[in-house]
Structure formats: C-alpha cells, structure tokens
C-alpha cells in the first residue's frame, strides 16, 4: 500500500472519529434551539396575597420566575400552565381558582375555597409550565430545518468516508475483485 492510500485511510478514519464526536454536539445545539424549556414544581409564596382572615386578595398579582419579555410576550407565551394547591397534588381550575396571563406570566388568585388553606405551610403553591429560551426559534419551518441538520450532517460524514474508502479500494485494485 502506498503512502497516498495510507493518508486517505487515515483521513477517512479521522473524519469518522471527529464527525461522530461532533454529531452529538450539533444535535444538542439544534435541540436547544427548537425545544421549549419545562419548569416543574416551581414554588411561590402566597403570603403577599393572604388576607387577615385567611382568604385571598384577588387583586395581588404573583409573577412566575420566567416571565416572558420582549418578543416572547406575543410570539412565544407561556404554555401548559398548571397551578397546584398547597398540598401539591390538586390542580386548580383556570378561571375559577385563579387567572393566568400567558403573555405576562402573572397569576391572580381567586378567593375560592381551594386556595384558602390556613394550615401549616399553606402559603406555598407550585406551578408547572413551558417557556421559550432567548434563542428559541419561533417559526415552525425554522425548527424543522434545524431538526434536519444532524441527519444531513451524518449523511455528509458517511459520504465523505465512503468516498475516501472507495478511492483507496480503487487505487489498490480491490474493486475489480469483488
């Protein structure tokens, strides 16, 4: 085997090794740009909304941690919002127990029995929701194209490697023997 073929084989194996290492990075970066972030069991304190009798002041607004700002207020509001009571196992009813504005991330609690618990730890409730990261791609076609990139990267990697292996086999005269 001549030096040129050894160099081509080395390049083919290096392309496979480096490409295999990069493909997971490319896929993860694409996933980060196309997937909303899930927040589960975020807790907040109801003490500021409590009245002296244990009821709730429905005019007090409580903000979630990841409040939408800028372009996210209209293009990517909060989705799949669920508020649970103080015990953490009962989902409250939107429009009855609380009101939530998806574009601002603000919660208004209603003065209903479900949220009016005066026991120990009664001022802590939890929410689950999805929000958009700052670099989230809003347009559906953008997300589709980015999701296709790792597959095309793998096909290109495979094409380069097959091409280099084919060249070595051709140079060594192995193709006519198959």
Protein backbone atom coordinates (compact mmCIF):
# COMPACT_ATOMS: atom_id res chain seq x y z
CA UNK A 1 0.00 0.00 0.00
CA UNK A 2 1.47 3.32 -1.00
CA UNK A 3 1.72 6.42 1.16
CA UNK A 4 -1.18 8.16 -0.63
CA UNK A 5 -3.58 5.34 0.30
CA UNK A 6 -2.38 5.32 3.91
CA UNK A 7 -3.01 9.06 4.05
CA UNK A 8 -6.52 8.59 2.56
CA UNK A 9 -7.36 5.83 5.05
CA UNK A 10 -6.09 7.98 7.91
CA UNK A 11 -8.24 10.88 6.70
CA UNK A 12 -11.30 8.62 6.43
CA UNK A 13 -10.90 7.30 9.97
CA UNK A 14 -10.20 10.80 11.32
CA UNK A 15 -13.33 12.10 9.57
CA UNK A 16 -15.38 9.32 11.17
CA UNK A 17 -13.94 9.87 14.64
CA UNK A 18 -14.21 13.67 14.61
CA UNK A 19 -17.63 13.57 12.92
CA UNK A 20 -19.00 11.06 15.42
CA UNK A 21 -17.88 13.34 18.22
CA UNK A 22 -19.39 16.43 16.61
CA UNK A 23 -22.73 14.93 15.63
CA UNK A 24 -23.97 14.84 19.24
CA UNK A 25 -22.94 18.47 19.71
CA UNK A 26 -24.75 19.52 16.53
CA UNK A 27 -27.85 17.57 17.57
CA UNK A 28 -27.87 19.03 21.11
CA UNK A 29 -27.45 22.59 19.86
CA UNK A 30 -30.34 22.09 17.46
CA UNK A 31 -32.49 20.62 20.21
CA UNK A 32 -31.73 23.59 22.48
CA UNK A 33 -33.00 25.99 19.80
CA UNK A 34 -36.15 24.05 18.94
CA UNK A 35 -37.49 22.86 22.31
CA UNK A 36 -39.35 24.86 24.92
CA UNK A 37 -37.99 24.59 28.45
CA UNK A 38 -40.10 22.75 31.02
CA UNK A 39 -40.33 24.07 34.56
CA UNK A 40 -41.80 21.62 37.02
CA UNK A 41 -42.82 22.20 40.59
CA UNK A 42 -41.76 25.86 40.77
CA UNK A 43 -42.94 27.12 44.13
CA UNK A 44 -44.10 30.58 45.08
CA UNK A 45 -45.29 32.18 48.28
CA UNK A 46 -48.93 33.22 48.68
CA UNK A 47 -48.27 35.25 51.84
CA UNK A 48 -48.42 38.56 49.93
CA UNK A 49 -51.90 37.66 48.66
CA UNK A 50 -53.29 36.45 52.02
CA UNK A 51 -55.84 38.49 53.88
CA UNK A 52 -56.03 38.54 57.68
CA UNK A 53 -58.99 36.13 57.67
CA UNK A 54 -57.03 33.58 55.57
CA UNK A 55 -58.75 34.45 52.31
CA UNK A 56 -57.02 35.68 49.21
CA UNK A 57 -56.72 39.18 47.81
CA UNK A 58 -57.58 38.64 44.15
CA UNK A 59 -56.01 41.97 43.12
CA UNK A 60 -52.49 40.86 44.09
CA UNK A 61 -50.55 39.56 41.12
CA UNK A 62 -47.87 36.92 41.58
CA UNK A 63 -45.24 36.52 38.86
CA UNK A 64 -43.67 33.23 37.83
CA UNK A 65 -39.86 33.09 37.64
CA UNK A 66 -39.59 33.01 33.83
CA UNK A 67 -41.79 35.94 32.88
CA UNK A 68 -41.98 36.45 29.10
CA UNK A 69 -40.31 39.66 27.94
CA UNK A 70 -39.77 41.34 24.59
CA UNK A 71 -40.70 39.23 21.57
CA UNK A 72 -41.80 36.34 23.81
CA UNK A 73 -44.87 38.21 25.08
CA UNK A 74 -46.59 37.81 21.70
CA UNK A 75 -44.60 35.22 19.74
CA UNK A 76 -43.97 32.67 22.49
CA UNK A 77 -46.15 33.00 25.60
CA UNK A 78 -46.18 30.53 28.49
CA UNK A 79 -47.86 27.21 27.64
CA UNK A 80 -49.25 24.22 29.56
CA UNK A 81 -49.56 26.20 32.78
CA UNK A 82 -50.80 24.20 35.78
CA UNK A 83 -51.23 25.61 39.29
CA UNK A 84 -51.45 23.21 42.21
CA UNK A 85 -52.70 23.92 45.72
CA UNK A 86 -50.59 23.90 48.87
CA UNK A 87 -50.68 20.11 49.19
CA UNK A 88 -49.16 19.92 45.70
CA UNK A 89 -51.43 17.17 44.44
CA UNK A 90 -54.56 19.02 43.36
CA UNK A 91 -54.53 21.07 40.16
CA UNK A 92 -56.50 24.27 40.43
CA UNK A 93 -59.07 25.29 37.81
CA UNK A 94 -58.17 28.15 35.48
CA UNK A 95 -60.89 30.80 35.51
CA UNK A 96 -62.32 29.55 38.81
CA UNK A 97 -59.48 29.23 41.31
CA UNK A 98 -57.03 31.51 39.51
CA UNK A 99 -56.46 33.59 36.42
CA UNK A 100 -53.22 33.43 34.45
CA UNK A 101 -52.00 35.72 31.70
CA UNK A 102 -49.75 33.73 29.36
CA UNK A 103 -48.10 36.79 27.81
CA UNK A 104 -47.10 38.40 31.13
CA UNK A 105 -46.64 35.38 33.41
CA UNK A 106 -48.84 36.90 36.11
CA UNK A 107 -51.19 34.92 38.35
CA UNK A 108 -54.28 36.37 40.03
CA UNK A 109 -55.69 34.08 42.71
CA UNK A 110 -59.43 33.95 43.27
CA UNK A 111 -60.92 33.95 46.74
CA UNK A 112 -62.08 30.34 46.44
CA UNK A 113 -62.01 27.51 48.97
CA UNK A 114 -59.41 25.52 47.03
CA UNK A 115 -56.72 28.12 47.67
CA UNK A 116 -57.95 29.26 51.08
CA UNK A 117 -55.98 26.93 53.29
CA UNK A 118 -54.82 28.26 56.63
CA UNK A 119 -52.84 25.22 57.84
CA UNK A 120 -49.08 24.99 58.26
CA UNK A 121 -47.24 25.63 55.01
CA UNK A 122 -50.43 26.90 53.42
CA UNK A 123 -48.69 29.80 51.71
CA UNK A 124 -46.63 27.73 49.29
CA UNK A 125 -48.09 26.62 45.97
CA UNK A 126 -46.45 25.10 42.90
CA UNK A 127 -46.73 25.58 39.14
CA UNK A 128 -45.62 23.69 36.03
CA UNK A 129 -45.24 25.33 32.62
CA UNK A 130 -43.21 25.61 29.41
CA UNK A 131 -41.41 28.76 28.33
CA UNK A 132 -39.15 29.80 25.45
CA UNK A 133 -35.43 30.38 25.89
CA UNK A 134 -33.97 33.57 24.45
CA UNK A 135 -32.63 31.74 21.39
CA UNK A 136 -35.78 29.67 20.73
CA UNK A 137 -36.84 29.52 17.08
CA UNK A 138 -40.46 30.62 16.90
CA UNK A 139 -41.27 29.79 13.27
CA UNK A 140 -42.19 26.16 12.70
CA UNK A 141 -40.22 25.90 9.45
CA UNK A 142 -37.08 27.13 11.27
CA UNK A 143 -37.39 24.36 13.84
CA UNK A 144 -37.96 21.75 11.11
CA UNK A 145 -34.83 22.80 9.20
CA UNK A 146 -32.67 22.83 12.34
CA UNK A 147 -34.00 19.40 13.34
CA UNK A 148 -32.90 18.03 9.94
CA UNK A 149 -29.31 19.30 10.25
CA UNK A 150 -27.91 16.36 12.32
CA UNK A 151 -29.28 13.85 9.82
CA UNK A 152 -27.75 15.66 6.87
CA UNK A 153 -24.50 16.04 8.82
CA UNK A 154 -24.43 12.27 9.34
CA UNK A 155 -25.14 11.64 5.64
CA UNK A 156 -22.34 14.01 4.62
CA UNK A 157 -19.96 12.34 7.05
CA UNK A 158 -20.87 8.94 5.69
CA UNK A 159 -20.48 10.18 2.08
CA UNK A 160 -17.00 11.57 2.71
CA UNK A 161 -15.86 8.40 4.45
CA UNK A 162 -17.30 6.10 1.77
CA UNK A 163 -15.70 8.25 -0.91
CA UNK A 164 -12.29 8.02 0.73
CA UNK A 165 -12.59 4.25 1.30
CA UNK A 166 -13.72 3.82 -2.32
CA UNK A 167 -10.70 5.76 -3.58
CA UNK A 168 -8.33 3.56 -1.55
CA UNK A 169 -10.01 0.38 -2.79
CA UNK A 170 -9.85 1.64 -6.38
CA UNK A 171 -6.15 2.56 -6.02
CA UNK A 172 -5.37 -0.89 -4.60
CA UNK A 173 -7.30 -2.65 -7.37
CA UNK A 174 -9.74 -4.30 -4.94
CA UNK A 175 -12.92 -3.19 -6.72
CA UNK A 176 -12.49 -5.49 -9.68
CA UNK A 177 -12.07 -8.50 -7.37
CA UNK A 178 -15.40 -8.12 -5.57
